[in-house]
Amino acid sequence: MNGCYISWFYHKFTIYKKNKDVIIEVCDDGKGISKVKLDALNFQFESQIYDKDVSGDDGAIGLANINKRIKLFYGSDYSIKMDSELGKYTKVIMRIAILESVGDINV
């Protein structure tokens, strides 16, 4: 099914400022991710060396794409991280810089 759909899972979106960054967290109460896979995914996000066997077809490829765009736009200090506990939740954490506007230019 394409487009928007309604899920019975709980989703929590949190956005807050931390120093000169914006933190965006998306959390669900789904099946979670094993520690081994979570560590591998976070390594991929940090190193930008992606392995389809780790990412699989369950959405991590889309997260890898978002991570690449964050790093290209904001620099190597910014990225996606994930936190999860198997059987309890998964949280995606995005850290981006706050851009200040000077006239029509973001700096």
Protein backbone atom coordinates (compact mmCIF):
# COMPACT_ATOMS: atom_id res chain seq x y z
CA MET A 1 0.00 0.00 0.00
CA ASN A 2 1.40 3.41 -0.98
CA GLY A 3 0.92 6.66 0.90
CA CYS A 4 -0.02 7.19 4.52
CA TYR A 5 -1.36 4.40 6.67
CA ILE A 6 -2.45 4.07 10.26
CA SER A 7 -0.58 1.71 12.55
CA TRP A 8 -1.59 0.46 15.97
CA PHE A 9 1.96 0.98 17.21
CA TYR A 10 2.77 3.89 19.51
CA HIS A 11 4.94 6.59 17.90
CA LYS A 12 6.56 9.46 19.78
CA PHE A 13 8.19 12.43 18.05
CA THR A 14 10.45 14.68 20.12
CA ILE A 15 12.27 17.77 18.86
CA TYR A 16 14.51 19.88 21.07
CA LYS A 17 17.46 22.24 20.99
CA LYS A 18 20.76 21.12 22.51
CA ASN A 19 23.51 23.75 22.40
CA LYS A 20 23.71 24.78 18.71
CA ASP A 21 21.99 21.64 17.43
CA VAL A 22 18.46 20.40 16.90
CA ILE A 23 17.76 16.84 18.04
CA ILE A 24 14.88 14.98 16.39
CA GLU A 25 13.84 11.67 17.95
CA VAL A 26 11.30 9.24 16.56
CA CYS A 27 10.44 6.32 18.82
CA ASP A 28 8.04 3.39 18.49
CA ASP A 29 7.01 0.46 20.64
CA GLY A 30 7.56 -2.15 17.94
CA LYS A 31 9.60 -5.33 18.00
CA GLY A 32 12.96 -3.61 18.52
CA ILE A 33 16.36 -4.49 17.06
CA SER A 34 18.94 -6.92 18.41
CA LYS A 35 22.10 -5.46 19.94
CA VAL A 36 24.25 -7.00 17.18
CA LYS A 37 22.18 -5.46 14.37
CA LEU A 38 21.84 -2.14 16.23
CA ASP A 39 25.62 -1.88 16.63
CA ALA A 40 26.12 -2.73 12.95
CA LEU A 41 23.56 -0.11 11.84
CA ASN A 42 25.11 2.59 14.04
CA PHE A 43 28.56 1.70 12.67
CA GLN A 44 27.20 2.11 9.13
CA PHE A 45 25.70 5.52 9.96
CA GLU A 46 28.97 6.69 11.55
CA SER A 47 31.34 5.30 8.90
CA GLN A 48 29.05 5.68 5.85
CA ILE A 49 30.12 2.18 4.77
CA TYR A 50 26.83 0.47 4.04
CA ASP A 51 26.20 -3.28 3.86
CA LYS A 52 22.89 -4.46 2.39
CA ASP A 53 23.08 -7.61 4.54
CA VAL A 54 22.89 -5.38 7.62
CA SER A 55 20.53 -2.73 6.26
CA GLY A 56 18.22 -5.22 4.61
CA ASP A 57 14.86 -4.30 3.15
CA ASP A 58 13.29 -3.12 6.40
CA GLY A 59 13.85 0.62 6.02
CA ALA A 60 17.48 1.04 7.02
CA ILE A 61 18.37 1.83 3.39
CA GLY A 62 16.11 4.88 3.61
CA LEU A 63 17.78 5.87 6.88
CA ALA A 64 21.19 5.47 5.22
CA ASN A 65 20.06 7.88 2.48
CA ILE A 66 18.86 10.42 5.07
CA ASN A 67 22.14 10.02 6.99
CA LYS A 68 24.19 10.71 3.84
CA ARG A 69 22.16 13.87 3.16
CA ILE A 70 22.57 15.09 6.75
CA LYS A 71 26.35 14.60 6.54
CA LEU A 72 26.54 16.33 3.13
CA PHE A 73 24.51 19.33 4.27
CA TYR A 74 25.68 19.75 7.90
CA GLY A 75 29.09 18.04 7.91
CA SER A 76 30.60 14.86 9.30
CA ASP A 77 29.79 15.73 12.94
CA TYR A 78 26.06 15.30 12.23
CA SER A 79 24.26 12.02 11.62
CA ILE A 80 21.61 9.51 12.59
CA LYS A 81 21.98 7.19 15.56
CA MET A 82 19.65 4.44 16.68
CA ASP A 83 18.76 3.08 20.08
CA SER A 84 16.65 -0.02 20.64
CA GLU A 85 15.75 -2.77 23.03
CA LEU A 86 14.58 -6.04 21.52
CA GLY A 87 10.89 -6.59 22.16
CA LYS A 88 10.37 -3.05 23.51
CA TYR A 89 11.18 -0.09 21.25
CA THR A 90 13.31 1.47 18.52
CA LYS A 91 14.40 5.11 18.50
CA VAL A 92 15.97 7.01 15.59
CA ILE A 93 17.91 10.09 16.71
CA MET A 94 18.87 12.76 14.16
CA ARG A 95 21.23 15.58 15.10
CA ILE A 96 21.44 18.60 12.82
CA ALA A 97 22.92 22.08 13.18
CA ILE A 98 20.78 25.13 13.76
CA LEU A 99 21.28 27.39 10.76
CA GLU A 100 21.30 31.10 11.29
CA SER A 101 19.99 33.37 8.53
CA VAL A 102 21.90 36.43 7.39
CA GLY A 103 19.72 38.13 4.83
CA ASP A 104 18.76 35.46 2.30
CA ILE A 105 21.73 33.21 3.17
CA ASN A 106 21.86 30.43 5.77
CA VAL A 107 25.20 30.28 7.59
